[in-house]
Amino acid sequence: IYHVAKNRGVRMLVDAAQSAGHLDLNLGETPIDMVAFSGHKGLLGPL
């Protein structure tokens, strides 16, 4: 979806609340505009 958005000049926001700490998301290779996430779920931090 990022590559489609980039090609069409559209910005992208990803809600990574359920993926941060669970899945690799390499922003060096796929520089999504905004990636937001909580710290207390997969990242194992406090509420």
ModelCIF file with pLDDT and N, C-alpha, C, O atoms, coordinates in Angstrom:
data_MODEL
#
_entry.id   MODEL 
#
_entity.id                         1 
_entity.type                       polymer 
_entity.pdbx_number_of_molecules   1 
#
_entity_poly.entity_id                      1 
_entity_poly.type                           'polypeptide(L)' 
_entity_poly.nstd_linkage                   no 
_entity_poly.nstd_monomer                   no 
_entity_poly.pdbx_seq_one_letter_code       IYHVAKNRGVRMLVDAAQSAGHLDLNLGETPIDMVAFSGHKGLLGPL 
_entity_poly.pdbx_seq_one_letter_code_can   IYHVAKNRGVRMLVDAAQSAGHLDLNLGETPIDMVAFSGHKGLLGPL 
_entity_poly.pdbx_strand_id                 A 
#
loop_
_entity_poly_seq.entity_id 
_entity_poly_seq.num 
_entity_poly_seq.mon_id 
_entity_poly_seq.hetero 
1 1  ILE n 
1 2  TYR n 
1 3  HIS n 
1 4  VAL n 
1 5  ALA n 
1 6  LYS n 
1 7  ASN n 
1 8  ARG n 
1 9  GLY n 
1 10 VAL n 
1 11 ARG n 
1 12 MET n 
1 13 LEU n 
1 14 VAL n 
1 15 ASP n 
1 16 ALA n 
1 17 ALA n 
1 18 GLN n 
1 19 SER n 
1 20 ALA n 
1 21 GLY n 
1 22 HIS n 
1 23 LEU n 
1 24 ASP n 
1 25 LEU n 
1 26 ASN n 
1 27 LEU n 
1 28 GLY n 
1 29 GLU n 
1 30 THR n 
1 31 PRO n 
1 32 ILE n 
1 33 ASP n 
1 34 MET n 
1 35 VAL n 
1 36 ALA n 
1 37 PHE n 
1 38 SER n 
1 39 GLY n 
1 40 HIS n 
1 41 LYS n 
1 42 GLY n 
1 43 LEU n 
1 44 LEU n 
1 45 GLY n 
1 46 PRO n 
1 47 LEU n 
#
_struct_asym.id          A 
_struct_asym.entity_id   1 
#
loop_
_ma_qa_metric.id 
_ma_qa_metric.mode 
_ma_qa_metric.name 
_ma_qa_metric.software_group_id 
_ma_qa_metric.type 
1 global pLDDT . pLDDT 
2 local  pLDDT . pLDDT 
#
_ma_qa_metric_global.metric_id      1 
_ma_qa_metric_global.metric_value   97.66 
_ma_qa_metric_global.model_id       1 
_ma_qa_metric_global.ordinal_id     1 
#
loop_
_ma_qa_metric_local.label_asym_id 
_ma_qa_metric_local.label_comp_id 
_ma_qa_metric_local.label_seq_id 
_ma_qa_metric_local.metric_id 
_ma_qa_metric_local.metric_value 
_ma_qa_metric_local.model_id 
_ma_qa_metric_local.ordinal_id 
A ILE 1  2 98.00 1 1  
A TYR 2  2 98.00 1 2  
A HIS 3  2 98.00 1 3  
A VAL 4  2 98.00 1 4  
A ALA 5  2 98.00 1 5  
A LYS 6  2 97.00 1 6  
A ASN 7  2 97.00 1 7  
A ARG 8  2 97.00 1 8  
A GLY 9  2 97.00 1 9  
A VAL 10 2 98.00 1 10 
A ARG 11 2 98.00 1 11 
A MET 12 2 98.00 1 12 
A LEU 13 2 98.00 1 13 
A VAL 14 2 98.00 1 14 
A ASP 15 2 98.00 1 15 
A ALA 16 2 98.00 1 16 
A ALA 17 2 98.00 1 17 
A GLN 18 2 98.00 1 18 
A SER 19 2 98.00 1 19 
A ALA 20 2 98.00 1 20 
A GLY 21 2 98.00 1 21 
A HIS 22 2 98.00 1 22 
A LEU 23 2 98.00 1 23 
A ASP 24 2 96.00 1 24 
A LEU 25 2 97.00 1 25 
A ASN 26 2 97.00 1 26 
A LEU 27 2 97.00 1 27 
A GLY 28 2 95.00 1 28 
A GLU 29 2 96.00 1 29 
A THR 30 2 97.00 1 30 
A PRO 31 2 97.00 1 31 
A ILE 32 2 98.00 1 32 
A ASP 33 2 98.00 1 33 
A MET 34 2 98.00 1 34 
A VAL 35 2 98.00 1 35 
A ALA 36 2 98.00 1 36 
A PHE 37 2 98.00 1 37 
A SER 38 2 98.00 1 38 
A GLY 39 2 98.00 1 39 
A HIS 40 2 98.00 1 40 
A LYS 41 2 98.00 1 41 
A GLY 42 2 98.00 1 42 
A LEU 43 2 98.00 1 43 
A LEU 44 2 98.00 1 44 
A GLY 45 2 98.00 1 45 
A PRO 46 2 98.00 1 46 
A LEU 47 2 98.00 1 47 
#
loop_
_atom_site.group_PDB 
_atom_site.id 
_atom_site.type_symbol 
_atom_site.label_atom_id 
_atom_site.label_alt_id 
_atom_site.label_comp_id 
_atom_site.label_asym_id 
_atom_site.label_entity_id 
_atom_site.label_seq_id 
_atom_site.pdbx_PDB_ins_code 
_atom_site.Cartn_x 
_atom_site.Cartn_y 
_atom_site.Cartn_z 
_atom_site.occupancy 
_atom_site.B_iso_or_equiv 
_atom_site.pdbx_formal_charge 
_atom_site.auth_seq_id 
_atom_site.auth_comp_id 
_atom_site.auth_asym_id 
_atom_site.auth_atom_id 
_atom_site.pdbx_PDB_model_num 
ATOM 1   N N  . ILE A 1 1  ? 0.836  -1.200 0.000  1.00 98.00 ? 1  ILE A N  1 
ATOM 2   C CA . ILE A 1 1  ? 0.000  0.000  0.000  1.00 98.00 ? 1  ILE A CA 1 
ATOM 3   C C  . ILE A 1 1  ? 0.871  1.251  0.000  1.00 98.00 ? 1  ILE A C  1 
ATOM 4   O O  . ILE A 1 1  ? 0.531  2.248  -0.636 1.00 98.00 ? 1  ILE A O  1 
ATOM 5   N N  . TYR A 1 2  ? 1.993  1.200  0.712  1.00 98.00 ? 2  TYR A N  1 
ATOM 6   C CA . TYR A 1 2  ? 2.897  2.342  0.734  1.00 98.00 ? 2  TYR A CA 1 
ATOM 7   C C  . TYR A 1 2  ? 3.378  2.688  -0.673 1.00 98.00 ? 2  TYR A C  1 
ATOM 8   O O  . TYR A 1 2  ? 3.391  3.860  -1.049 1.00 98.00 ? 2  TYR A O  1 
ATOM 9   N N  . HIS A 1 3  ? 3.769  1.692  -1.444 1.00 98.00 ? 3  HIS A N  1 
ATOM 10  C CA . HIS A 1 3  ? 4.279  1.954  -2.793 1.00 98.00 ? 3  HIS A CA 1 
ATOM 11  C C  . HIS A 1 3  ? 3.204  2.561  -3.683 1.00 98.00 ? 3  HIS A C  1 
ATOM 12  O O  . HIS A 1 3  ? 3.493  3.435  -4.501 1.00 98.00 ? 3  HIS A O  1 
ATOM 13  N N  . VAL A 1 4  ? 1.969  2.102  -3.528 1.00 98.00 ? 4  VAL A N  1 
ATOM 14  C CA . VAL A 1 4  ? 0.854  2.705  -4.263 1.00 98.00 ? 4  VAL A CA 1 
ATOM 15  C C  . VAL A 1 4  ? 0.682  4.160  -3.845 1.00 98.00 ? 4  VAL A C  1 
ATOM 16  O O  . VAL A 1 4  ? 0.544  5.043  -4.692 1.00 98.00 ? 4  VAL A O  1 
ATOM 17  N N  . ALA A 1 5  ? 0.691  4.408  -2.533 1.00 98.00 ? 5  ALA A N  1 
ATOM 18  C CA . ALA A 1 5  ? 0.513  5.771  -2.023 1.00 98.00 ? 5  ALA A CA 1 
ATOM 19  C C  . ALA A 1 5  ? 1.616  6.697  -2.534 1.00 98.00 ? 5  ALA A C  1 
ATOM 20  O O  . ALA A 1 5  ? 1.345  7.819  -2.962 1.00 98.00 ? 5  ALA A O  1 
ATOM 21  N N  . LYS A 1 6  ? 2.843  6.225  -2.486 1.00 97.00 ? 6  LYS A N  1 
ATOM 22  C CA . LYS A 1 6  ? 3.961  7.049  -2.932 1.00 97.00 ? 6  LYS A CA 1 
ATOM 23  C C  . LYS A 1 6  ? 3.833  7.385  -4.411 1.00 97.00 ? 6  LYS A C  1 
ATOM 24  O O  . LYS A 1 6  ? 4.054  8.528  -4.813 1.00 97.00 ? 6  LYS A O  1 
ATOM 25  N N  . ASN A 1 7  ? 3.475  6.391  -5.223 1.00 97.00 ? 7  ASN A N  1 
ATOM 26  C CA . ASN A 1 7  ? 3.349  6.610  -6.663 1.00 97.00 ? 7  ASN A CA 1 
ATOM 27  C C  . ASN A 1 7  ? 2.226  7.588  -7.004 1.00 97.00 ? 7  ASN A C  1 
ATOM 28  O O  . ASN A 1 7  ? 2.275  8.271  -8.027 1.00 97.00 ? 7  ASN A O  1 
ATOM 29  N N  . ARG A 1 8  ? 1.210  7.647  -6.132 1.00 97.00 ? 8  ARG A N  1 
ATOM 30  C CA . ARG A 1 8  ? 0.069  8.525  -6.402 1.00 97.00 ? 8  ARG A CA 1 
ATOM 31  C C  . ARG A 1 8  ? 0.137  9.835  -5.612 1.00 97.00 ? 8  ARG A C  1 
ATOM 32  O O  . ARG A 1 8  ? -0.801 10.631 -5.656 1.00 97.00 ? 8  ARG A O  1 
ATOM 33  N N  . GLY A 1 9  ? 1.222  10.061 -4.901 1.00 97.00 ? 9  GLY A N  1 
ATOM 34  C CA . GLY A 1 9  ? 1.398  11.309 -4.176 1.00 97.00 ? 9  GLY A CA 1 
ATOM 35  C C  . GLY A 1 9  ? 0.506  11.458 -2.958 1.00 97.00 ? 9  GLY A C  1 
ATOM 36  O O  . GLY A 1 9  ? 0.099  12.566 -2.612 1.00 97.00 ? 9  GLY A O  1 
ATOM 37  N N  . VAL A 1 10 ? 0.201  10.334 -2.304 1.00 98.00 ? 10 VAL A N  1 
ATOM 38  C CA . VAL A 1 10 ? -0.678 10.324 -1.139 1.00 98.00 ? 10 VAL A CA 1 
ATOM 39  C C  . VAL A 1 10 ? 0.142  9.948  0.096  1.00 98.00 ? 10 VAL A C  1 
ATOM 40  O O  . VAL A 1 10 ? 0.968  9.037  0.040  1.00 98.00 ? 10 VAL A O  1 
ATOM 41  N N  . ARG A 1 11 ? -0.082 10.640 1.195  1.00 98.00 ? 11 ARG A N  1 
ATOM 42  C CA . ARG A 1 11 ? 0.611  10.314 2.442  1.00 98.00 ? 11 ARG A CA 1 
ATOM 43  C C  . ARG A 1 11 ? -0.044 9.109  3.110  1.00 98.00 ? 11 ARG A C  1 
ATOM 44  O O  . ARG A 1 11 ? -1.182 8.752  2.802  1.00 98.00 ? 11 ARG A O  1 
ATOM 45  N N  . MET A 1 12 ? 0.702  8.485  4.037  1.00 98.00 ? 12 MET A N  1 
ATOM 46  C CA . MET A 1 12 ? 0.216  7.251  4.653  1.00 98.00 ? 12 MET A CA 1 
ATOM 47  C C  . MET A 1 12 ? 0.473  7.256  6.158  1.00 98.00 ? 12 MET A C  1 
ATOM 48  O O  . MET A 1 12 ? 1.558  7.605  6.622  1.00 98.00 ? 12 MET A O  1 
ATOM 49  N N  . LEU A 1 13 ? -0.557 6.859  6.906  1.00 98.00 ? 13 LEU A N  1 
ATOM 50  C CA . LEU A 1 13 ? -0.471 6.691  8.359  1.00 98.00 ? 13 LEU A CA 1 
ATOM 51  C C  . LEU A 1 13 ? -0.762 5.238  8.691  1.00 98.00 ? 13 LEU A C  1 
ATOM 52  O O  . LEU A 1 13 ? -1.776 4.689  8.258  1.00 98.00 ? 13 LEU A O  1 
ATOM 53  N N  . VAL A 1 14 ? 0.119  4.616  9.453  1.00 98.00 ? 14 VAL A N  1 
ATOM 54  C CA . VAL A 1 14 ? -0.070 3.230  9.873  1.00 98.00 ? 14 VAL A CA 1 
ATOM 55  C C  . VAL A 1 14 ? -0.239 3.165  11.386 1.00 98.00 ? 14 VAL A C  1 
ATOM 56  O O  . VAL A 1 14 ? 0.566  3.700  12.148 1.00 98.00 ? 14 VAL A O  1 
ATOM 57  N N  . ASP A 1 15 ? -1.307 2.495  11.791 1.00 98.00 ? 15 ASP A N  1 
ATOM 58  C CA . ASP A 1 15 ? -1.539 2.197  13.204 1.00 98.00 ? 15 ASP A CA 1 
ATOM 59  C C  . ASP A 1 15 ? -0.852 0.862  13.491 1.00 98.00 ? 15 ASP A C  1 
ATOM 60  O O  . ASP A 1 15 ? -1.334 -0.197 13.088 1.00 98.00 ? 15 ASP A O  1 
ATOM 61  N N  . ALA A 1 16 ? 0.277  0.930  14.189 1.00 98.00 ? 16 ALA A N  1 
ATOM 62  C CA . ALA A 1 16 ? 1.072  -0.265 14.466 1.00 98.00 ? 16 ALA A CA 1 
ATOM 63  C C  . ALA A 1 16 ? 0.901  -0.747 15.900 1.00 98.00 ? 16 ALA A C  1 
ATOM 64  O O  . ALA A 1 16 ? 1.796  -1.387 16.451 1.00 98.00 ? 16 ALA A O  1 
ATOM 65  N N  . ALA A 1 17 ? -0.245 -0.442 16.506 1.00 98.00 ? 17 ALA A N  1 
ATOM 66  C CA . ALA A 1 17 ? -0.461 -0.833 17.904 1.00 98.00 ? 17 ALA A CA 1 
ATOM 67  C C  . ALA A 1 17 ? -0.343 -2.332 18.109 1.00 98.00 ? 17 ALA A C  1 
ATOM 68  O O  . ALA A 1 17 ? 0.170  -2.781 19.134 1.00 98.00 ? 17 ALA A O  1 
ATOM 69  N N  . GLN A 1 18 ? -0.819 -3.119 17.132 1.00 98.00 ? 18 GLN A N  1 
ATOM 70  C CA . GLN A 1 18 ? -0.798 -4.575 17.280 1.00 98.00 ? 18 GLN A CA 1 
ATOM 71  C C  . GLN A 1 18 ? 0.367  -5.239 16.549 1.00 98.00 ? 18 GLN A C  1 
ATOM 72  O O  . GLN A 1 18 ? 0.475  -6.466 16.541 1.00 98.00 ? 18 GLN A O  1 
ATOM 73  N N  . SER A 1 19 ? 1.233  -4.444 15.941 1.00 98.00 ? 19 SER A N  1 
ATOM 74  C CA . SER A 1 19 ? 2.368  -5.047 15.226 1.00 98.00 ? 19 SER A CA 1 
ATOM 75  C C  . SER A 1 19 ? 3.724  -4.652 15.793 1.00 98.00 ? 19 SER A C  1 
ATOM 76  O O  . SER A 1 19 ? 4.690  -5.400 15.640 1.00 98.00 ? 19 SER A O  1 
ATOM 77  N N  . ALA A 1 20 ? 3.823  -3.498 16.443 1.00 98.00 ? 20 ALA A N  1 
ATOM 78  C CA . ALA A 1 20 ? 5.107  -3.072 17.003 1.00 98.00 ? 20 ALA A CA 1 
ATOM 79  C C  . ALA A 1 20 ? 5.590  -4.095 18.023 1.00 98.00 ? 20 ALA A C  1 
ATOM 80  O O  . ALA A 1 20 ? 4.893  -4.395 18.993 1.00 98.00 ? 20 ALA A O  1 
ATOM 81  N N  . GLY A 1 21 ? 6.775  -4.622 17.799 1.00 98.00 ? 21 GLY A N  1 
ATOM 82  C CA . GLY A 1 21 ? 7.330  -5.653 18.666 1.00 98.00 ? 21 GLY A CA 1 
ATOM 83  C C  . GLY A 1 21 ? 6.976  -7.060 18.234 1.00 98.00 ? 21 GLY A C  1 
ATOM 84  O O  . GLY A 1 21 ? 7.603  -8.023 18.676 1.00 98.00 ? 21 GLY A O  1 
ATOM 85  N N  . HIS A 1 22 ? 5.968  -7.190 17.366 1.00 98.00 ? 22 HIS A N  1 
ATOM 86  C CA . HIS A 1 22 ? 5.547  -8.503 16.881 1.00 98.00 ? 22 HIS A CA 1 
ATOM 87  C C  . HIS A 1 22 ? 6.039  -8.783 15.461 1.00 98.00 ? 22 HIS A C  1 
ATOM 88  O O  . HIS A 1 22 ? 6.365  -9.920 15.122 1.00 98.00 ? 22 HIS A O  1 
ATOM 89  N N  . LEU A 1 23 ? 6.087  -7.739 14.638 1.00 98.00 ? 23 LEU A N  1 
ATOM 90  C CA . LEU A 1 23 ? 6.464  -7.881 13.234 1.00 98.00 ? 23 LEU A CA 1 
ATOM 91  C C  . LEU A 1 23 ? 7.552  -6.877 12.889 1.00 98.00 ? 23 LEU A C  1 
ATOM 92  O O  . LEU A 1 23 ? 7.594  -5.779 13.443 1.00 98.00 ? 23 LEU A O  1 
ATOM 93  N N  . ASP A 1 24 ? 8.434  -7.262 11.969 1.00 96.00 ? 24 ASP A N  1 
ATOM 94  C CA . ASP A 1 24 ? 9.428  -6.323 11.464 1.00 96.00 ? 24 ASP A CA 1 
ATOM 95  C C  . ASP A 1 24 ? 8.751  -5.345 10.511 1.00 96.00 ? 24 ASP A C  1 
ATOM 96  O O  . ASP A 1 24 ? 8.043  -5.753 9.590  1.00 96.00 ? 24 ASP A O  1 
ATOM 97  N N  . LEU A 1 25 ? 8.969  -4.072 10.733 1.00 97.00 ? 25 LEU A N  1 
ATOM 98  C CA . LEU A 1 25 ? 8.538  -3.031 9.804  1.00 97.00 ? 25 LEU A CA 1 
ATOM 99  C C  . LEU A 1 25 ? 9.737  -2.114 9.615  1.00 97.00 ? 25 LEU A C  1 
ATOM 100 O O  . LEU A 1 25 ? 10.034 -1.279 10.470 1.00 97.00 ? 25 LEU A O  1 
ATOM 101 N N  . ASN A 1 26 ? 10.421 -2.275 8.489  1.00 97.00 ? 26 ASN A N  1 
ATOM 102 C CA . ASN A 1 26 ? 11.680 -1.579 8.246  1.00 97.00 ? 26 ASN A CA 1 
ATOM 103 C C  . ASN A 1 26 ? 11.409 -0.265 7.530  1.00 97.00 ? 26 ASN A C  1 
ATOM 104 O O  . ASN A 1 26 ? 11.143 -0.246 6.328  1.00 97.00 ? 26 ASN A O  1 
ATOM 105 N N  . LEU A 1 27 ? 11.477 0.830  8.274  1.00 97.00 ? 27 LEU A N  1 
ATOM 106 C CA . LEU A 1 27 ? 11.190 2.141  7.697  1.00 97.00 ? 27 LEU A CA 1 
ATOM 107 C C  . LEU A 1 27 ? 12.359 2.672  6.878  1.00 97.00 ? 27 LEU A C  1 
ATOM 108 O O  . LEU A 1 27 ? 12.216 3.668  6.168  1.00 97.00 ? 27 LEU A O  1 
ATOM 109 N N  . GLY A 1 28 ? 13.498 2.024  6.969  1.00 95.00 ? 28 GLY A N  1 
ATOM 110 C CA . GLY A 1 28 ? 14.589 2.369  6.070  1.00 95.00 ? 28 GLY A CA 1 
ATOM 111 C C  . GLY A 1 28 ? 14.290 1.918  4.656  1.00 95.00 ? 28 GLY A C  1 
ATOM 112 O O  . GLY A 1 28 ? 14.630 2.599  3.689  1.00 95.00 ? 28 GLY A O  1 
ATOM 113 N N  . GLU A 1 29 ? 13.645 0.753  4.540  1.00 96.00 ? 29 GLU A N  1 
ATOM 114 C CA . GLU A 1 29 ? 13.276 0.226  3.229  1.00 96.00 ? 29 GLU A CA 1 
ATOM 115 C C  . GLU A 1 29 ? 11.909 0.724  2.765  1.00 96.00 ? 29 GLU A C  1 
ATOM 116 O O  . GLU A 1 29 ? 11.687 0.929  1.572  1.00 96.00 ? 29 GLU A O  1 
ATOM 117 N N  . THR A 1 30 ? 11.000 0.916  3.717  1.00 97.00 ? 30 THR A N  1 
ATOM 118 C CA . THR A 1 30 ? 9.635  1.363  3.403  1.00 97.00 ? 30 THR A CA 1 
ATOM 119 C C  . THR A 1 30 ? 9.330  2.570  4.274  1.00 97.00 ? 30 THR A C  1 
ATOM 120 O O  . THR A 1 30 ? 8.709  2.428  5.327  1.00 97.00 ? 30 THR A O  1 
ATOM 121 N N  . PRO A 1 31 ? 9.757  3.756  3.852  1.00 97.00 ? 31 PRO A N  1 
ATOM 122 C CA . PRO A 1 31 ? 9.643  4.948  4.706  1.00 97.00 ? 31 PRO A CA 1 
ATOM 123 C C  . PRO A 1 31 ? 8.220  5.514  4.768  1.00 97.00 ? 31 PRO A C  1 
ATOM 124 O O  . PRO A 1 31 ? 7.931  6.572  4.208  1.00 97.00 ? 31 PRO A O  1 
ATOM 125 N N  . ILE A 1 32 ? 7.349  4.791  5.454  1.00 98.00 ? 32 ILE A N  1 
ATOM 126 C CA . ILE A 1 32 ? 5.967  5.227  5.642  1.00 98.00 ? 32 ILE A CA 1 
ATOM 127 C C  . ILE A 1 32 ? 5.968  6.564  6.380  1.00 98.00 ? 32 ILE A C  1 
ATOM 128 O O  . ILE A 1 32 ? 6.772  6.785  7.285  1.00 98.00 ? 32 ILE A O  1 
ATOM 129 N N  . ASP A 1 33 ? 5.063  7.446  5.986  1.00 98.00 ? 33 ASP A N  1 
ATOM 130 C CA . ASP A 1 33 ? 5.090  8.829  6.466  1.00 98.00 ? 33 ASP A CA 1 
ATOM 131 C C  . ASP A 1 33 ? 4.931  8.940  7.972  1.00 98.00 ? 33 ASP A C  1 
ATOM 132 O O  . ASP A 1 33 ? 5.681  9.660  8.631  1.00 98.00 ? 33 ASP A O  1 
ATOM 133 N N  . MET A 1 34 ? 3.945  8.220  8.519  1.00 98.00 ? 34 MET A N  1 
ATOM 134 C CA . MET A 1 34 ? 3.667  8.285  9.951  1.00 98.00 ? 34 MET A CA 1 
ATOM 135 C C  . MET A 1 34 ? 3.323  6.889  10.455 1.00 98.00 ? 34 MET A C  1 
ATOM 136 O O  . MET A 1 34 ? 2.432  6.231  9.917  1.00 98.00 ? 34 MET A O  1 
ATOM 137 N N  . VAL A 1 35 ? 4.020  6.442  11.477 1.00 98.00 ? 35 VAL A N  1 
ATOM 138 C CA . VAL A 1 35 ? 3.748  5.143  12.100 1.00 98.00 ? 35 VAL A CA 1 
ATOM 139 C C  . VAL A 1 35 ? 3.543  5.386  13.590 1.00 98.00 ? 35 VAL A C  1 
ATOM 140 O O  . VAL A 1 35 ? 4.459  5.809  14.295 1.00 98.00 ? 35 VAL A O  1 
ATOM 141 N N  . ALA A 1 36 ? 2.327  5.112  14.059 1.00 98.00 ? 36 ALA A N  1 
ATOM 142 C CA . ALA A 1 36 ? 1.966  5.358  15.453 1.00 98.00 ? 36 ALA A CA 1 
ATOM 143 C C  . ALA A 1 36 ? 1.739  4.039  16.171 1.00 98.00 ? 36 ALA A C  1 
ATOM 144 O O  . ALA A 1 36 ? 1.254  3.077  15.576 1.00 98.00 ? 36 ALA A O  1 
ATOM 145 N N  . PHE A 1 37 ? 2.091  3.994  17.453 1.00 98.00 ? 37 PHE A N  1 
ATOM 146 C CA . PHE A 1 37 ? 1.936  2.745  18.205 1.00 98.00 ? 37 PHE A CA 1 
ATOM 147 C C  . PHE A 1 37 ? 1.930  3.016  19.696 1.00 98.00 ? 37 PHE A C  1 
ATOM 148 O O  . PHE A 1 37 ? 2.444  4.030  20.167 1.00 98.00 ? 37 PHE A O  1 
ATOM 149 N N  . SER A 1 38 ? 1.344  2.096  20.421 1.00 98.00 ? 38 SER A N  1 
ATOM 150 C CA . SER A 1 38 ? 1.382  2.141  21.884 1.00 98.00 ? 38 SER A CA 1 
ATOM 151 C C  . SER A 1 38 ? 2.668  1.482  22.363 1.00 98.00 ? 38 SER A C  1 
ATOM 152 O O  . SER A 1 38 ? 3.294  0.707  21.639 1.00 98.00 ? 38 SER A O  1 
ATOM 153 N N  . GLY A 1 39 ? 3.049  1.804  23.592 1.00 98.00 ? 39 GLY A N  1 
ATOM 154 C CA . GLY A 1 39 ? 4.264  1.211  24.143 1.00 98.00 ? 39 GLY A CA 1 
ATOM 155 C C  . GLY A 1 39 ? 4.007  0.037  25.047 1.00 98.00 ? 39 GLY A C  1 
ATOM 156 O O  . GLY A 1 39 ? 4.943  -0.671 25.417 1.00 98.00 ? 39 GLY A O  1 
ATOM 157 N N  . HIS A 1 40 ? 2.747  -0.192 25.421 1.00 98.00 ? 40 HIS A N  1 
ATOM 158 C CA . HIS A 1 40 ? 2.439  -1.158 26.478 1.00 98.00 ? 40 HIS A CA 1 
ATOM 159 C C  . HIS A 1 40 ? 1.983  -2.519 25.963 1.00 98.00 ? 40 HIS A C  1 
ATOM 160 O O  . HIS A 1 40 ? 1.658  -3.401 26.758 1.00 98.00 ? 40 HIS A O  1 
ATOM 161 N N  . LYS A 1 41 ? 1.955  -2.700 24.651 1.00 98.00 ? 41 LYS A N  1 
ATOM 162 C CA . LYS A 1 41 ? 1.515  -3.988 24.096 1.00 98.00 ? 41 LYS A CA 1 
ATOM 163 C C  . LYS A 1 41 ? 2.738  -4.791 23.665 1.00 98.00 ? 41 LYS A C  1 
ATOM 164 O O  . LYS A 1 41 ? 3.481  -5.278 24.517 1.00 98.00 ? 41 LYS A O  1 
ATOM 165 N N  . GLY A 1 42 ? 2.960  -4.935 22.373 1.00 98.00 ? 42 GLY A N  1 
ATOM 166 C CA . GLY A 1 42 ? 4.080  -5.758 21.916 1.00 98.00 ? 42 GLY A CA 1 
ATOM 167 C C  . GLY A 1 42 ? 5.444  -5.240 22.287 1.00 98.00 ? 42 GLY A C  1 
ATOM 168 O O  . GLY A 1 42 ? 6.414  -5.998 22.271 1.00 98.00 ? 42 GLY A O  1 
ATOM 169 N N  . LEU A 1 43 ? 5.549  -3.960 22.622 1.00 98.00 ? 43 LEU A N  1 
ATOM 170 C CA . LEU A 1 43 ? 6.841  -3.405 23.016 1.00 98.00 ? 43 LEU A CA 1 
ATOM 171 C C  . LEU A 1 43 ? 7.140  -3.602 24.499 1.00 98.00 ? 43 LEU A C  1 
ATOM 172 O O  . LEU A 1 43 ? 8.226  -3.259 24.967 1.00 98.00 ? 43 LEU A O  1 
ATOM 173 N N  . LEU A 1 44 ? 6.172  -4.157 25.241 1.00 98.00 ? 44 LEU A N  1 
ATOM 174 C CA . LEU A 1 44 ? 6.378  -4.640 26.612 1.00 98.00 ? 44 LEU A CA 1 
ATOM 175 C C  . LEU A 1 44 ? 6.602  -3.551 27.640 1.00 98.00 ? 44 LEU A C  1 
ATOM 176 O O  . LEU A 1 44 ? 7.035  -3.836 28.757 1.00 98.00 ? 44 LEU A O  1 
ATOM 177 N N  . GLY A 1 45 ? 6.312  -2.294 27.279 1.00 98.00 ? 45 GLY A N  1 
ATOM 178 C CA . GLY A 1 45 ? 6.485  -1.208 28.221 1.00 98.00 ? 45 GLY A CA 1 
ATOM 179 C C  . GLY A 1 45 ? 5.271  -1.020 29.110 1.00 98.00 ? 45 GLY A C  1 
ATOM 180 O O  . GLY A 1 45 ? 4.308  -1.781 29.012 1.00 98.00 ? 45 GLY A O  1 
ATOM 181 N N  . PRO A 1 46 ? 5.303  -0.011 29.982 1.00 98.00 ? 46 PRO A N  1 
ATOM 182 C CA . PRO A 1 46 ? 4.186  0.271  30.887 1.00 98.00 ? 46 PRO A CA 1 
ATOM 183 C C  . PRO A 1 46 ? 3.019  0.928  30.150 1.00 98.00 ? 46 PRO A C  1 
ATOM 184 O O  . PRO A 1 46 ? 3.187  1.473  29.059 1.00 98.00 ? 46 PRO A O  1 
ATOM 185 N N  . LEU A 1 47 ? 1.849  0.870  30.754 1.00 98.00 ? 47 LEU A N  1 
ATOM 186 C CA . LEU A 1 47 ? 0.702  1.625  30.262 1.00 98.00 ? 47 LEU A CA 1 
ATOM 187 C C  . LEU A 1 47 ? 1.003  3.116  30.304 1.00 98.00 ? 47 LEU A C  1 
ATOM 188 O O  . LEU A 1 47 ? 0.157  3.928  29.927 1.00 98.00 ? 47 LEU A O  1 
#
